[in-house]
Amino acid sequence: MKAIQVCVFGAPDVMRLAELADPEPAAGQVLVRVEAAGVNPVDTYIRSGAYARKPPLPYTPGMDGAGVVERVGPGVTRRRAGERVYIAGSLSGTYAQRALCLESQVHPLPDLVSFAQGAAVFVPYATAYRALHHCARAVPGEAVLVHGASGGVGLAAVQLARAAGLTVLGTAGTDEGLALVTREGAHHALDHRSPDFPERLLERTAGRGPDVILEMLANVNLARDLELIAPRGRIVVIGSRGPIQIDPRAAMSKDATLIGMSLLNATAEELASVHSALVAGLENGTLRPIVRAELALAAAPAAHELVLQPGARGKIVLTPWGES
């Protein structure tokens, strides 16, 4: 099979298209023919060697994907050959024509959801769900600010928050991004580049500020988040690309809570509840993954550059069986 292989940590061009043997499923494992593989910012951090958890070299990147079950190993009871599935983590990596997964990493993909959309489910939607419900414990009627709402995690958070009965405020930096955030369910779409952004946010929350902030770029926004958060509000840090200096008194004055989270820290029980909710949302149409671009597998280096550019509008996916 064709697969992307990383033999040394470094720049995007360390990813090379290789010919590898097809994996064989052992007990409790599932082999999936990958029709689409999702690209996430975290994939770039791992590939560069900057992430805290480094896989042994060589490795094939990718945690997200979707496809069809080809074979199952002994003891697998919940999945069967021929079933459409989305992948939530993988033993062998998803930037490949086939991926070896644990049974618990493979979940039903409803017929109304395309493979490209299925590849946009796990990291964005599970991250957004865990941040919103497990960490912030948001409840209906509260106001949530989603920073970077036009990106993969941001759009997932907008859809999840709207379905949960929250008042949703989302930020973006382009007219196209603002239109997308509105279309996907935000009650208010705000340009975070605008000088009057803080005033407009407070106006739309009756001067109180949001009860929950989901923060995708804490190294830029966290100090201002602490000024804008409502009393006893919760800020969940989902992403950051560097350090920032903050004044703890800003949190003290409001009894505000600052929560850091990583999807990789989720327990098996938390993940089980997440996927139950995500499958239900995909089935009833409240969750609608947005695909920004589909690229050939060999274009993985270009995808890693594209996923870090500002102005994201949905997920980037690789198509392992397309032209390379």
C-alpha atoms as a PDB file:
ATOM      1  CA  MET A   1       0.000   0.000   0.000  1.00  0.00           C
ATOM      2  CA  LYS A   2       0.998   3.650  -0.419  1.00  0.00           C
ATOM      3  CA  ALA A   3       1.574   5.595   2.782  1.00  0.00           C
ATOM      4  CA  ILE A   4       3.314   8.723   4.023  1.00  0.00           C
ATOM      5  CA  GLN A   5       6.365   7.906   6.114  1.00  0.00           C
ATOM      6  CA  VAL A   6       8.411  10.137   8.425  1.00  0.00           C
ATOM      7  CA  CYS A   7      11.938   8.889   9.129  1.00  0.00           C
ATOM      8  CA  VAL A   8      13.245  12.020  10.870  1.00  0.00           C
ATOM      9  CA  PHE A   9      11.478  14.871  12.649  1.00  0.00           C
ATOM     10  CA  GLY A  10      11.630  18.169  10.797  1.00  0.00           C
ATOM     11  CA  ALA A  11      10.020  20.398   8.168  1.00  0.00           C
ATOM     12  CA  PRO A  12       7.035  19.272   6.056  1.00  0.00           C
ATOM     13  CA  ASP A  13       9.292  17.845   3.355  1.00  0.00           C
ATOM     14  CA  VAL A  14      10.465  15.050   5.686  1.00  0.00           C
ATOM     15  CA  MET A  15       7.174  13.353   4.804  1.00  0.00           C
ATOM     16  CA  ARG A  16       7.732  10.976   1.900  1.00  0.00           C
ATOM     17  CA  LEU A  17       5.362   8.763  -0.072  1.00  0.00           C
ATOM     18  CA  ALA A  18       6.425   5.138   0.427  1.00  0.00           C
ATOM     19  CA  GLU A  19       5.290   1.648  -0.482  1.00  0.00           C
ATOM     20  CA  LEU A  20       4.616  -0.363   2.663  1.00  0.00           C
ATOM     21  CA  ALA A  21       3.197  -3.804   3.391  1.00  0.00           C
ATOM     22  CA  ASP A  22      -0.502  -3.976   4.215  1.00  0.00           C
ATOM     23  CA  PRO A  23      -1.071  -4.293   7.978  1.00  0.00           C
ATOM     24  CA  GLU A  24      -2.677  -7.481   9.292  1.00  0.00           C
ATOM     25  CA  PRO A  25      -5.314  -7.185  12.046  1.00  0.00           C
ATOM     26  CA  ALA A  26      -4.541  -9.126  15.217  1.00  0.00           C
ATOM     27  CA  ALA A  27      -6.958  -9.867  18.041  1.00  0.00           C
ATOM     28  CA  GLY A  28      -9.168  -6.874  18.828  1.00  0.00           C
ATOM     29  CA  GLN A  29      -7.988  -4.963  15.746  1.00  0.00           C
ATOM     30  CA  VAL A  30      -9.682  -3.662  12.600  1.00  0.00           C
ATOM     31  CA  LEU A  31      -8.157  -2.982   9.169  1.00  0.00           C
ATOM     32  CA  VAL A  32      -9.758  -0.032   7.363  1.00  0.00           C
ATOM     33  CA  ARG A  33      -9.408   0.874   3.692  1.00  0.00           C
ATOM     34  CA  VAL A  34      -8.891   4.626   4.093  1.00  0.00           C
ATOM     35  CA  GLU A  35     -10.896   6.742   1.666  1.00  0.00           C
ATOM     36  CA  ALA A  36      -9.980  10.073   3.302  1.00  0.00           C
ATOM     37  CA  ALA A  37      -7.477  11.106   5.983  1.00  0.00           C
ATOM     38  CA  GLY A  38      -7.859  14.273   8.036  1.00  0.00           C
ATOM     39  CA  VAL A  39      -5.042  16.775   8.557  1.00  0.00           C
ATOM     40  CA  ASN A  40      -4.815  18.587  11.898  1.00  0.00           C
ATOM     41  CA  PRO A  41      -2.458  21.228  13.320  1.00  0.00           C
ATOM     42  CA  VAL A  42      -1.341  18.705  15.954  1.00  0.00           C
ATOM     43  CA  ASP A  43      -0.054  16.490  13.117  1.00  0.00           C
ATOM     44  CA  THR A  44       2.401  19.251  12.191  1.00  0.00           C
ATOM     45  CA  TYR A  45       3.631  19.639  15.775  1.00  0.00           C
ATOM     46  CA  ILE A  46       4.281  15.897  16.015  1.00  0.00           C
ATOM     47  CA  ARG A  47       6.042  15.787  12.631  1.00  0.00           C
ATOM     48  CA  SER A  48       8.295  18.716  13.575  1.00  0.00           C
ATOM     49  CA  GLY A  49       9.338  17.035  16.829  1.00  0.00           C
ATOM     50  CA  ALA A  50       7.909  19.914  18.880  1.00  0.00           C
ATOM     51  CA  TYR A  51       5.099  17.912  20.481  1.00  0.00           C
ATOM     52  CA  ALA A  52       5.472  16.492  23.983  1.00  0.00           C
ATOM     53  CA  ARG A  53       4.660  12.966  22.817  1.00  0.00           C
ATOM     54  CA  LYS A  54       6.872  11.741  19.982  1.00  0.00           C
ATOM     55  CA  PRO A  55       6.130   8.505  18.098  1.00  0.00           C
ATOM     56  CA  PRO A  56       8.984   6.099  17.408  1.00  0.00           C
ATOM     57  CA  LEU A  57      10.565   6.574  13.987  1.00  0.00           C
ATOM     58  CA  PRO A  58       9.718   5.798  11.270  1.00  0.00           C
ATOM     59  CA  TYR A  59       6.006   6.463  11.535  1.00  0.00           C
ATOM     60  CA  THR A  60       2.966   7.304   9.405  1.00  0.00           C
ATOM     61  CA  PRO A  61       1.139  10.482  10.531  1.00  0.00           C
ATOM     62  CA  GLY A  62      -2.564  10.909  11.046  1.00  0.00           C
ATOM     63  CA  MET A  63      -5.229  10.260  13.686  1.00  0.00           C
ATOM     64  CA  ASP A  64      -8.339  11.108  11.637  1.00  0.00           C
ATOM     65  CA  GLY A  65      -9.792   9.202   8.728  1.00  0.00           C
ATOM     66  CA  ALA A  66     -12.801   7.489   7.196  1.00  0.00           C
ATOM     67  CA  GLY A  67     -13.306   4.487   4.996  1.00  0.00           C
ATOM     68  CA  VAL A  68     -14.579   0.927   4.854  1.00  0.00           C
ATOM     69  CA  VAL A  69     -13.684  -1.985   7.129  1.00  0.00           C
ATOM     70  CA  GLU A  70     -11.725  -4.559   5.111  1.00  0.00           C
ATOM     71  CA  ARG A  71     -11.002  -7.189   7.740  1.00  0.00           C
ATOM     72  CA  VAL A  72     -11.369  -7.693  11.476  1.00  0.00           C
ATOM     73  CA  GLY A  73      -9.185  -9.653  13.859  1.00  0.00           C
ATOM     74  CA  PRO A  74     -10.279 -12.348  16.301  1.00  0.00           C
ATOM     75  CA  GLY A  75     -12.550 -11.156  19.083  1.00  0.00           C
ATOM     76  CA  VAL A  76     -13.918  -8.120  17.233  1.00  0.00           C
ATOM     77  CA  THR A  77     -17.692  -8.077  17.686  1.00  0.00           C
ATOM     78  CA  ARG A  78     -18.872  -4.491  17.093  1.00  0.00           C
ATOM     79  CA  ARG A  79     -17.428  -3.918  13.615  1.00  0.00           C
ATOM     80  CA  ARG A  80     -17.747  -5.991  10.438  1.00  0.00           C
ATOM     81  CA  ALA A  81     -16.204  -6.084   6.947  1.00  0.00           C
ATOM     82  CA  GLY A  82     -17.901  -3.717   4.513  1.00  0.00           C
ATOM     83  CA  GLU A  83     -19.050  -1.239   7.185  1.00  0.00           C
ATOM     84  CA  ARG A  84     -18.557   2.506   6.624  1.00  0.00           C
ATOM     85  CA  VAL A  85     -16.619   3.987   9.547  1.00  0.00           C
ATOM     86  CA  TYR A  86     -14.752   7.022  10.781  1.00  0.00           C
ATOM     87  CA  ILE A  87     -11.387   6.558  12.480  1.00  0.00           C
ATOM     88  CA  ALA A  88     -10.604   8.079  15.879  1.00  0.00           C
ATOM     89  CA  GLY A  89      -6.932   7.291  16.363  1.00  0.00           C
ATOM     90  CA  SER A  90      -4.928   4.565  14.699  1.00  0.00           C
ATOM     91  CA  LEU A  91      -2.179   2.083  15.465  1.00  0.00           C
ATOM     92  CA  SER A  92      -0.478   2.576  12.107  1.00  0.00           C
ATOM     93  CA  GLY A  93      -1.417   6.137  11.039  1.00  0.00           C
ATOM     94  CA  THR A  94      -4.130   7.329   8.656  1.00  0.00           C
ATOM     95  CA  TYR A  95      -2.028   9.035   5.949  1.00  0.00           C
ATOM     96  CA  ALA A  96      -2.143   5.736   4.087  1.00  0.00           C
ATOM     97  CA  GLN A  97      -4.342   3.576   1.908  1.00  0.00           C
ATOM     98  CA  ARG A  98      -5.033   1.273   4.839  1.00  0.00           C
ATOM     99  CA  ALA A  99      -5.000   1.872   8.585  1.00  0.00           C
ATOM    100  CA  LEU A 100      -4.797  -0.605  11.439  1.00  0.00           C
ATOM    101  CA  CYS A 101      -6.979   0.381  14.409  1.00  0.00           C
ATOM    102  CA  LEU A 102      -8.200  -0.939  17.707  1.00  0.00           C
ATOM    103  CA  GLU A 103     -11.881  -1.833  17.654  1.00  0.00           C
ATOM    104  CA  SER A 104     -12.513   1.078  20.041  1.00  0.00           C
ATOM    105  CA  GLN A 105     -10.978   3.519  17.517  1.00  0.00           C
ATOM    106  CA  VAL A 106     -13.499   2.777  14.751  1.00  0.00           C
ATOM    107  CA  HIS A 107     -17.052   4.164  14.757  1.00  0.00           C
ATOM    108  CA  PRO A 108     -20.081   3.982  12.431  1.00  0.00           C
ATOM    109  CA  LEU A 109     -20.256   6.600   9.671  1.00  0.00           C
ATOM    110  CA  PRO A 110     -23.868   7.343   8.658  1.00  0.00           C
ATOM    111  CA  ASP A 111     -24.659   7.057   4.955  1.00  0.00           C
ATOM    112  CA  LEU A 112     -25.524  10.767   4.664  1.00  0.00           C
ATOM    113  CA  VAL A 113     -21.950  11.693   5.721  1.00  0.00           C
ATOM    114  CA  SER A 114     -19.249  11.540   3.021  1.00  0.00           C
ATOM    115  CA  PHE A 115     -15.862   9.931   3.624  1.00  0.00           C
ATOM    116  CA  ALA A 116     -14.216  13.362   3.399  1.00  0.00           C
ATOM    117  CA  GLN A 117     -16.587  14.633   6.083  1.00  0.00           C
ATOM    118  CA  GLY A 118     -15.932  11.501   8.142  1.00  0.00           C
ATOM    119  CA  ALA A 119     -12.219  12.319   8.095  1.00  0.00           C
ATOM    120  CA  ALA A 120     -13.118  15.683   9.662  1.00  0.00           C
ATOM    121  CA  VAL A 121     -14.858  14.191  12.709  1.00  0.00           C
ATOM    122  CA  PHE A 122     -12.506  12.881  15.380  1.00  0.00           C
ATOM    123  CA  VAL A 123      -9.962  15.519  16.380  1.00  0.00           C
ATOM    124  CA  PRO A 124     -12.113  18.617  15.701  1.00  0.00           C
ATOM    125  CA  TYR A 125     -15.411  17.352  17.082  1.00  0.00           C
ATOM    126  CA  ALA A 126     -14.066  15.304  19.985  1.00  0.00           C
ATOM    127  CA  THR A 127     -11.853  18.238  21.018  1.00  0.00           C
ATOM    128  CA  ALA A 128     -14.762  20.680  20.834  1.00  0.00           C
ATOM    129  CA  TYR A 129     -17.116  18.336  22.691  1.00  0.00           C
ATOM    130  CA  ARG A 130     -14.639  17.637  25.484  1.00  0.00           C
ATOM    131  CA  ALA A 131     -13.819  21.339  25.860  1.00  0.00           C
ATOM    132  CA  LEU A 132     -17.446  22.428  25.900  1.00  0.00           C
ATOM    133  CA  HIS A 133     -19.025  19.657  27.959  1.00  0.00           C
ATOM    134  CA  HIS A 134     -16.337  17.820  29.951  1.00  0.00           C
ATOM    135  CA  CYS A 135     -14.130  20.801  30.798  1.00  0.00           C
ATOM    136  CA  ALA A 136     -16.327  23.921  30.735  1.00  0.00           C
ATOM    137  CA  ARG A 137     -19.492  22.017  31.710  1.00  0.00           C
ATOM    138  CA  ALA A 138     -21.535  24.507  29.700  1.00  0.00           C
ATOM    139  CA  VAL A 139     -25.283  24.468  30.276  1.00  0.00           C
ATOM    140  CA  PRO A 140     -28.190  25.660  28.111  1.00  0.00           C
ATOM    141  CA  GLY A 141     -28.757  29.396  28.305  1.00  0.00           C
ATOM    142  CA  GLU A 142     -25.105  30.306  28.849  1.00  0.00           C
ATOM    143  CA  ALA A 143     -23.128  32.355  26.332  1.00  0.00           C
ATOM    144  CA  VAL A 144     -20.037  30.805  24.748  1.00  0.00           C
ATOM    145  CA  LEU A 145     -17.367  32.626  22.758  1.00  0.00           C
ATOM    146  CA  VAL A 146     -15.580  30.446  20.205  1.00  0.00           C
ATOM    147  CA  HIS A 147     -12.319  32.056  19.124  1.00  0.00           C
ATOM    148  CA  GLY A 148     -11.219  30.963  15.639  1.00  0.00           C
ATOM    149  CA  ALA A 149     -14.720  29.697  14.915  1.00  0.00           C
ATOM    150  CA  SER A 150     -14.134  29.217  11.175  1.00  0.00           C
ATOM    151  CA  GLY A 151     -11.481  26.520  11.703  1.00  0.00           C
ATOM    152  CA  GLY A 152     -12.109  22.804  12.121  1.00  0.00           C
ATOM    153  CA  VAL A 153     -12.423  22.770  15.919  1.00  0.00           C
ATOM    154  CA  GLY A 154     -14.175  26.131  15.919  1.00  0.00           C
ATOM    155  CA  LEU A 155     -16.911  25.072  13.498  1.00  0.00           C
ATOM    156  CA  ALA A 156     -17.422  21.879  15.472  1.00  0.00           C
ATOM    157  CA  ALA A 157     -17.776  23.928  18.655  1.00  0.00           C
ATOM    158  CA  VAL A 158     -20.292  26.277  17.034  1.00  0.00           C
ATOM    159  CA  GLN A 159     -22.479  23.376  15.898  1.00  0.00           C
ATOM    160  CA  LEU A 160     -22.228  21.550  19.229  1.00  0.00           C
ATOM    161  CA  ALA A 161     -22.938  24.662  21.282  1.00  0.00           C
ATOM    162  CA  ARG A 162     -25.934  25.645  19.164  1.00  0.00           C
ATOM    163  CA  ALA A 163     -27.364  22.128  19.441  1.00  0.00           C
ATOM    164  CA  ALA A 164     -26.895  22.283  23.238  1.00  0.00           C
ATOM    165  CA  GLY A 165     -28.968  25.454  23.615  1.00  0.00           C
ATOM    166  CA  LEU A 166     -26.179  27.951  24.264  1.00  0.00           C
ATOM    167  CA  THR A 167     -25.931  31.474  22.892  1.00  0.00           C
ATOM    168  CA  VAL A 168     -23.041  31.197  20.447  1.00  0.00           C
ATOM    169  CA  LEU A 169     -20.605  33.972  19.576  1.00  0.00           C
ATOM    170  CA  GLY A 170     -17.889  33.067  17.065  1.00  0.00           C
ATOM    171  CA  THR A 171     -14.890  34.987  15.767  1.00  0.00           C
ATOM    172  CA  ALA A 172     -13.217  34.928  12.361  1.00  0.00           C
ATOM    173  CA  GLY A 173     -10.812  37.177  10.498  1.00  0.00           C
ATOM    174  CA  THR A 174     -12.314  37.305   7.002  1.00  0.00           C
ATOM    175  CA  ASP A 175     -15.714  38.081   5.502  1.00  0.00           C
ATOM    176  CA  GLU A 176     -15.898  34.511   4.176  1.00  0.00           C
ATOM    177  CA  GLY A 177     -15.101  33.112   7.593  1.00  0.00           C
ATOM    178  CA  LEU A 178     -17.702  35.299   9.294  1.00  0.00           C
ATOM    179  CA  ALA A 179     -20.353  34.207   6.785  1.00  0.00           C
ATOM    180  CA  LEU A 180     -19.449  30.548   7.366  1.00  0.00           C
ATOM    181  CA  VAL A 181     -19.614  30.910  11.155  1.00  0.00           C
ATOM    182  CA  THR A 182     -23.068  32.474  10.855  1.00  0.00           C
ATOM    183  CA  ARG A 183     -24.291  29.808   8.441  1.00  0.00           C
ATOM    184  CA  GLU A 184     -23.178  27.032  10.796  1.00  0.00           C
ATOM    185  CA  GLY A 185     -25.209  28.347  13.710  1.00  0.00           C
ATOM    186  CA  ALA A 186     -23.526  31.228  15.551  1.00  0.00           C
ATOM    187  CA  HIS A 187     -25.975  33.808  16.846  1.00  0.00           C
ATOM    188  CA  HIS A 188     -23.278  36.468  16.471  1.00  0.00           C
ATOM    189  CA  ALA A 189     -20.159  36.446  14.254  1.00  0.00           C
ATOM    190  CA  LEU A 190     -17.458  38.934  15.260  1.00  0.00           C
ATOM    191  CA  ASP A 191     -14.275  40.058  13.521  1.00  0.00           C
ATOM    192  CA  HIS A 192     -11.514  39.561  16.097  1.00  0.00           C
ATOM    193  CA  ARG A 193      -9.287  41.995  14.164  1.00  0.00           C
ATOM    194  CA  SER A 194     -11.695  44.887  14.657  1.00  0.00           C
ATOM    195  CA  PRO A 195     -10.540  47.517  17.176  1.00  0.00           C
ATOM    196  CA  ASP A 196     -14.026  47.573  18.728  1.00  0.00           C
ATOM    197  CA  PHE A 197     -14.230  43.785  19.119  1.00  0.00           C
ATOM    198  CA  PRO A 198     -14.314  43.899  22.968  1.00  0.00           C
ATOM    199  CA  GLU A 199     -17.113  46.483  22.970  1.00  0.00           C
ATOM    200  CA  ARG A 200     -19.173  44.539  20.427  1.00  0.00           C
ATOM    201  CA  LEU A 201     -18.747  41.339  22.431  1.00  0.00           C
ATOM    202  CA  LEU A 202     -19.893  42.988  25.638  1.00  0.00           C
ATOM    203  CA  GLU A 203     -22.869  44.548  23.863  1.00  0.00           C
ATOM    204  CA  ARG A 204     -24.018  41.122  22.696  1.00  0.00           C
ATOM    205  CA  THR A 205     -23.740  39.675  26.202  1.00  0.00           C
ATOM    206  CA  ALA A 206     -25.582  42.536  27.949  1.00  0.00           C
ATOM    207  CA  GLY A 207     -22.292  43.873  29.307  1.00  0.00           C
ATOM    208  CA  ARG A 208     -21.565  40.673  31.222  1.00  0.00           C
ATOM    209  CA  GLY A 209     -19.158  38.861  28.900  1.00  0.00           C
ATOM    210  CA  PRO A 210     -19.341  35.210  27.842  1.00  0.00           C
ATOM    211  CA  ASP A 211     -19.753  32.482  30.447  1.00  0.00           C
ATOM    212  CA  VAL A 212     -17.417  30.196  28.479  1.00  0.00           C
ATOM    213  CA  ILE A 213     -14.537  30.990  26.128  1.00  0.00           C
ATOM    214  CA  LEU A 214     -13.051  28.279  23.924  1.00  0.00           C
ATOM    215  CA  GLU A 215      -9.570  29.557  23.078  1.00  0.00           C
ATOM    216  CA  MET A 216      -7.658  28.291  20.025  1.00  0.00           C
ATOM    217  CA  LEU A 217      -4.714  30.734  20.197  1.00  0.00           C
ATOM    218  CA  ALA A 218      -4.033  31.438  23.852  1.00  0.00           C
ATOM    219  CA  ASN A 219      -0.620  33.012  23.269  1.00  0.00           C
ATOM    220  CA  VAL A 220      -2.410  35.882  21.500  1.00  0.00           C
ATOM    221  CA  ASN A 221      -5.784  36.133  23.234  1.00  0.00           C
ATOM    222  CA  LEU A 222      -5.574  34.846  26.803  1.00  0.00           C
ATOM    223  CA  ALA A 223      -4.871  38.140  28.577  1.00  0.00           C
ATOM    224  CA  ARG A 224      -7.846  39.774  26.866  1.00  0.00           C
ATOM    225  CA  ASP A 225     -10.002  36.695  27.507  1.00  0.00           C
ATOM    226  CA  LEU A 226      -9.498  37.211  31.241  1.00  0.00           C
ATOM    227  CA  GLU A 227     -10.741  40.783  30.884  1.00  0.00           C
ATOM    228  CA  LEU A 228     -13.818  39.755  28.871  1.00  0.00           C
ATOM    229  CA  ILE A 229     -14.955  36.593  30.674  1.00  0.00           C
ATOM    230  CA  ALA A 230     -18.116  36.817  32.792  1.00  0.00           C
ATOM    231  CA  PRO A 231     -17.960  36.442  36.574  1.00  0.00           C
ATOM    232  CA  ARG A 232     -17.327  32.782  37.449  1.00  0.00           C
ATOM    233  CA  GLY A 233     -16.713  32.105  33.767  1.00  0.00           C
ATOM    234  CA  ARG A 234     -14.534  29.330  32.360  1.00  0.00           C
ATOM    235  CA  ILE A 235     -11.792  29.683  29.757  1.00  0.00           C
ATOM    236  CA  VAL A 236     -10.720  26.442  28.082  1.00  0.00           C
ATOM    237  CA  VAL A 237      -7.350  26.604  26.317  1.00  0.00           C
ATOM    238  CA  ILE A 238      -7.515  24.322  23.282  1.00  0.00           C
ATOM    239  CA  GLY A 239      -4.549  25.708  21.353  1.00  0.00           C
ATOM    240  CA  SER A 240      -1.458  27.853  21.892  1.00  0.00           C
ATOM    241  CA  ARG A 241       1.684  28.461  19.882  1.00  0.00           C
ATOM    242  CA  GLY A 242       3.878  30.064  22.510  1.00  0.00           C
ATOM    243  CA  PRO A 243       4.032  31.710  25.951  1.00  0.00           C
ATOM    244  CA  ILE A 244       2.051  34.702  27.136  1.00  0.00           C
ATOM    245  CA  GLN A 245       2.210  36.935  30.205  1.00  0.00           C
ATOM    246  CA  ILE A 246      -1.056  37.331  32.127  1.00  0.00           C
ATOM    247  CA  ASP A 247      -2.117  39.078  35.329  1.00  0.00           C
ATOM    248  CA  PRO A 248      -3.601  36.472  37.724  1.00  0.00           C
ATOM    249  CA  ARG A 249      -5.600  39.244  39.406  1.00  0.00           C
ATOM    250  CA  ALA A 250      -7.786  39.396  36.304  1.00  0.00           C
ATOM    251  CA  ALA A 251      -8.930  35.847  37.099  1.00  0.00           C
ATOM    252  CA  MET A 252      -9.100  36.475  40.847  1.00  0.00           C
ATOM    253  CA  SER A 253     -11.392  39.485  40.481  1.00  0.00           C
ATOM    254  CA  LYS A 254     -14.005  37.350  38.720  1.00  0.00           C
ATOM    255  CA  ASP A 255     -13.491  33.925  40.276  1.00  0.00           C
ATOM    256  CA  ALA A 256     -12.715  32.864  36.713  1.00  0.00           C
ATOM    257  CA  THR A 257     -11.450  29.380  35.927  1.00  0.00           C
ATOM    258  CA  LEU A 258      -8.661  28.720  33.429  1.00  0.00           C
ATOM    259  CA  ILE A 259      -8.619  25.147  32.113  1.00  0.00           C
ATOM    260  CA  GLY A 260      -6.020  23.600  29.833  1.00  0.00           C
ATOM    261  CA  MET A 261      -7.046  20.553  27.818  1.00  0.00           C
ATOM    262  CA  SER A 262      -5.655  18.060  25.343  1.00  0.00           C
ATOM    263  CA  LEU A 263      -7.732  15.438  23.592  1.00  0.00           C
ATOM    264  CA  LEU A 264      -4.929  12.945  24.176  1.00  0.00           C
ATOM    265  CA  ASN A 265      -5.622  13.166  27.929  1.00  0.00           C
ATOM    266  CA  ALA A 266      -9.204  11.925  27.564  1.00  0.00           C
ATOM    267  CA  THR A 267     -10.015   8.689  29.363  1.00  0.00           C
ATOM    268  CA  ALA A 268     -11.585   5.689  27.664  1.00  0.00           C
ATOM    269  CA  GLU A 269     -14.856   6.452  29.430  1.00  0.00           C
ATOM    270  CA  GLU A 270     -14.795  10.077  28.270  1.00  0.00           C
ATOM    271  CA  LEU A 271     -14.081   9.042  24.684  1.00  0.00           C
ATOM    272  CA  ALA A 272     -16.925   6.528  24.737  1.00  0.00           C
ATOM    273  CA  SER A 273     -19.375   9.251  25.765  1.00  0.00           C
ATOM    274  CA  VAL A 274     -17.933  11.646  23.166  1.00  0.00           C
ATOM    275  CA  HIS A 275     -18.385   9.193  20.295  1.00  0.00           C
ATOM    276  CA  SER A 276     -21.907   8.277  21.377  1.00  0.00           C
ATOM    277  CA  ALA A 277     -22.791  11.966  21.125  1.00  0.00           C
ATOM    278  CA  LEU A 278     -20.938  12.500  17.835  1.00  0.00           C
ATOM    279  CA  VAL A 279     -22.509   9.519  16.069  1.00  0.00           C
ATOM    280  CA  ALA A 280     -25.958  10.699  17.186  1.00  0.00           C
ATOM    281  CA  GLY A 281     -25.236  14.222  15.917  1.00  0.00           C
ATOM    282  CA  LEU A 282     -24.032  12.914  12.552  1.00  0.00           C
ATOM    283  CA  GLU A 283     -27.138  10.756  12.247  1.00  0.00           C
ATOM    284  CA  ASN A 284     -29.608  13.543  12.998  1.00  0.00           C
ATOM    285  CA  GLY A 285     -27.768  16.196  10.993  1.00  0.00           C
ATOM    286  CA  THR A 286     -26.956  18.622  13.804  1.00  0.00           C
ATOM    287  CA  LEU A 287     -23.249  17.947  13.157  1.00  0.00           C
ATOM    288  CA  ARG A 288     -22.119  18.792   9.620  1.00  0.00           C
ATOM    289  CA  PRO A 289     -18.336  18.553   9.105  1.00  0.00           C
ATOM    290  CA  ILE A 290     -17.054  21.190   6.678  1.00  0.00           C
ATOM    291  CA  VAL A 291     -14.282  20.178   4.265  1.00  0.00           C
ATOM    292  CA  ARG A 292     -12.073  23.012   3.069  1.00  0.00           C
ATOM    293  CA  ALA A 293      -9.846  21.139   0.619  1.00  0.00           C
ATOM    294  CA  GLU A 294      -9.134  17.619  -0.630  1.00  0.00           C
ATOM    295  CA  LEU A 295      -5.527  16.875  -1.650  1.00  0.00           C
ATOM    296  CA  ALA A 296      -3.725  13.801  -2.935  1.00  0.00           C
ATOM    297  CA  LEU A 297      -1.738  11.758  -0.425  1.00  0.00           C
ATOM    298  CA  ALA A 298       1.563  12.881  -1.959  1.00  0.00           C
ATOM    299  CA  ALA A 299       0.575  16.483  -1.190  1.00  0.00           C
ATOM    300  CA  ALA A 300       0.859  15.900   2.579  1.00  0.00           C
ATOM    301  CA  PRO A 301       3.738  18.437   2.892  1.00  0.00           C
ATOM    302  CA  ALA A 302       1.604  21.125   1.237  1.00  0.00           C
ATOM    303  CA  ALA A 303      -1.314  20.174   3.492  1.00  0.00           C
ATOM    304  CA  HIS A 304       0.868  20.679   6.581  1.00  0.00           C
ATOM    305  CA  GLU A 305       1.740  24.180   5.413  1.00  0.00           C
ATOM    306  CA  LEU A 306      -1.860  25.001   4.526  1.00  0.00           C
ATOM    307  CA  VAL A 307      -3.351  23.838   7.839  1.00  0.00           C
ATOM    308  CA  LEU A 308      -1.284  26.404   9.792  1.00  0.00           C
ATOM    309  CA  GLN A 309      -2.206  29.375   7.618  1.00  0.00           C
ATOM    310  CA  PRO A 310      -4.672  31.921   9.025  1.00  0.00           C
ATOM    311  CA  GLY A 311      -8.188  32.196   7.657  1.00  0.00           C
ATOM    312  CA  ALA A 312      -9.083  28.505   7.918  1.00  0.00           C
ATOM    313  CA  ARG A 313     -12.553  27.544   6.740  1.00  0.00           C
ATOM    314  CA  GLY A 314     -13.000  23.872   7.584  1.00  0.00           C
ATOM    315  CA  LYS A 315     -10.918  20.708   7.416  1.00  0.00           C
ATOM    316  CA  ILE A 316      -8.163  19.657   4.999  1.00  0.00           C
ATOM    317  CA  VAL A 317      -8.258  16.002   3.970  1.00  0.00           C
ATOM    318  CA  LEU A 318      -5.982  13.693   1.993  1.00  0.00           C
ATOM    319  CA  THR A 319      -7.377  11.165  -0.486  1.00  0.00           C
ATOM    320  CA  PRO A 320      -5.074   8.099  -0.445  1.00  0.00           C
ATOM    321  CA  TRP A 321      -6.527   6.548  -3.609  1.00  0.00           C
ATOM    322  CA  GLY A 322      -6.432   9.723  -5.707  1.00  0.00           C
ATOM    323  CA  GLU A 323      -3.723  10.847  -8.091  1.00  0.00           C
ATOM    324  CA  SER A 324      -0.272  11.091  -6.554  1.00  0.00           C
END
